[in-house]
Amino acid sequence: MTEIDDMILMINKLFTKKPNTIYEVRLVNQTYAKQVNVFFEYYRIGHATHSQQIARLDDQYRTRLPELAKQIHQATGLTVNTN
């Protein structure tokens, strides 16, 4: 299994379908650290956002962020935001 497959498995484990809860994945490109951090975020309406780092990817993924976001969205069905 690759890093991406492990990350998608982790997202699927964390994605518990609770009512009135919004789930998303955030990809953060850290330009100075030359890596990509992946966060799983969820929040209930009127409550604070909970964010959990699920992966830290190497420099090779920084150039492929749109492709990576599309792959995660297709595998999980969640919204994927990139910064």
Protein backbone atom coordinates (compact mmCIF):
# COMPACT_ATOMS: atom_id res chain seq x y z
CA MET A 1 0.00 0.00 0.00
CA THR A 2 1.14 3.52 -0.71
CA GLU A 3 1.00 6.56 1.55
CA ILE A 4 -2.12 7.73 -0.27
CA ASP A 5 -3.93 4.42 0.27
CA ASP A 6 -3.06 4.49 3.98
CA MET A 7 -4.31 8.06 4.21
CA ILE A 8 -7.62 7.19 2.52
CA LEU A 9 -8.10 4.26 4.91
CA MET A 10 -7.53 6.62 7.85
CA ILE A 11 -10.05 9.11 6.45
CA ASN A 12 -12.65 6.36 6.05
CA LYS A 13 -12.08 5.26 9.67
CA LEU A 14 -12.56 8.81 10.96
CA PHE A 15 -15.59 9.55 8.78
CA THR A 16 -18.52 8.65 11.03
CA LYS A 17 -21.76 9.91 9.57
CA LYS A 18 -23.32 11.90 12.40
CA PRO A 19 -26.34 14.15 11.83
CA ASN A 20 -25.77 17.91 11.41
CA THR A 21 -22.00 17.42 11.07
CA ILE A 22 -19.88 18.70 8.20
CA TYR A 23 -16.75 16.74 7.23
CA GLU A 24 -13.88 17.80 4.98
CA VAL A 25 -10.22 17.13 4.22
CA ARG A 26 -7.73 20.00 4.07
CA LEU A 27 -4.43 19.82 2.18
CA VAL A 28 -1.92 22.42 3.36
CA ASN A 29 1.14 23.13 1.24
CA GLN A 30 3.98 24.19 3.51
CA THR A 31 6.32 25.99 1.15
CA TYR A 32 9.25 26.48 3.52
CA ALA A 33 9.11 23.00 5.03
CA LYS A 34 8.62 21.53 1.53
CA GLN A 35 5.88 19.12 2.53
CA VAL A 36 2.12 18.71 2.46
CA ASN A 37 0.09 18.25 5.64
CA VAL A 38 -3.27 16.52 5.44
CA PHE A 39 -5.96 17.29 8.01
CA PHE A 40 -9.34 15.67 8.65
CA GLU A 41 -11.77 18.32 9.89
CA TYR A 42 -15.33 18.13 11.12
CA TYR A 43 -17.72 20.42 12.90
CA ARG A 44 -21.28 20.57 14.03
CA ILE A 45 -23.30 23.62 13.21
CA GLY A 46 -22.79 26.15 16.01
CA HIS A 47 -19.76 24.35 17.46
CA ALA A 48 -15.99 24.65 17.05
CA THR A 49 -14.09 22.90 14.25
CA HIS A 50 -12.14 19.77 15.19
CA SER A 51 -9.00 19.22 13.14
CA GLN A 52 -6.75 16.18 13.20
CA GLN A 53 -3.55 15.75 11.21
CA ILE A 54 -3.63 12.40 9.45
CA ALA A 55 -0.60 12.57 7.15
CA ARG A 56 2.54 14.47 6.29
CA LEU A 57 3.56 13.94 2.68
CA ASP A 58 6.95 14.52 1.06
CA ASP A 59 8.00 17.15 -1.44
CA GLN A 60 7.01 15.00 -4.41
CA TYR A 61 3.29 15.55 -3.69
CA ARG A 62 3.50 19.37 -3.61
CA THR A 63 3.34 19.63 -7.39
CA ARG A 64 0.44 17.16 -7.64
CA LEU A 65 -2.01 18.78 -5.18
CA PRO A 66 -4.99 19.07 -7.61
CA GLU A 67 -4.55 15.44 -8.67
CA LEU A 68 -4.24 14.34 -5.03
CA ALA A 69 -7.36 16.30 -4.03
CA LYS A 70 -9.34 14.71 -6.85
CA GLN A 71 -8.16 11.21 -5.88
CA ILE A 72 -9.16 11.72 -2.22
CA HIS A 73 -12.55 13.12 -3.23
CA GLN A 74 -13.28 10.19 -5.54
CA ALA A 75 -12.28 7.62 -2.91
CA THR A 76 -14.09 9.17 0.07
CA GLY A 77 -16.76 11.51 -1.33
CA LEU A 78 -15.67 14.28 1.06
CA THR A 79 -14.95 17.89 0.24
CA VAL A 80 -11.21 18.51 -0.20
CA ASN A 81 -9.84 22.03 0.30
CA THR A 82 -6.32 23.09 -0.61
CA ASN A 83 -4.37 26.01 0.83
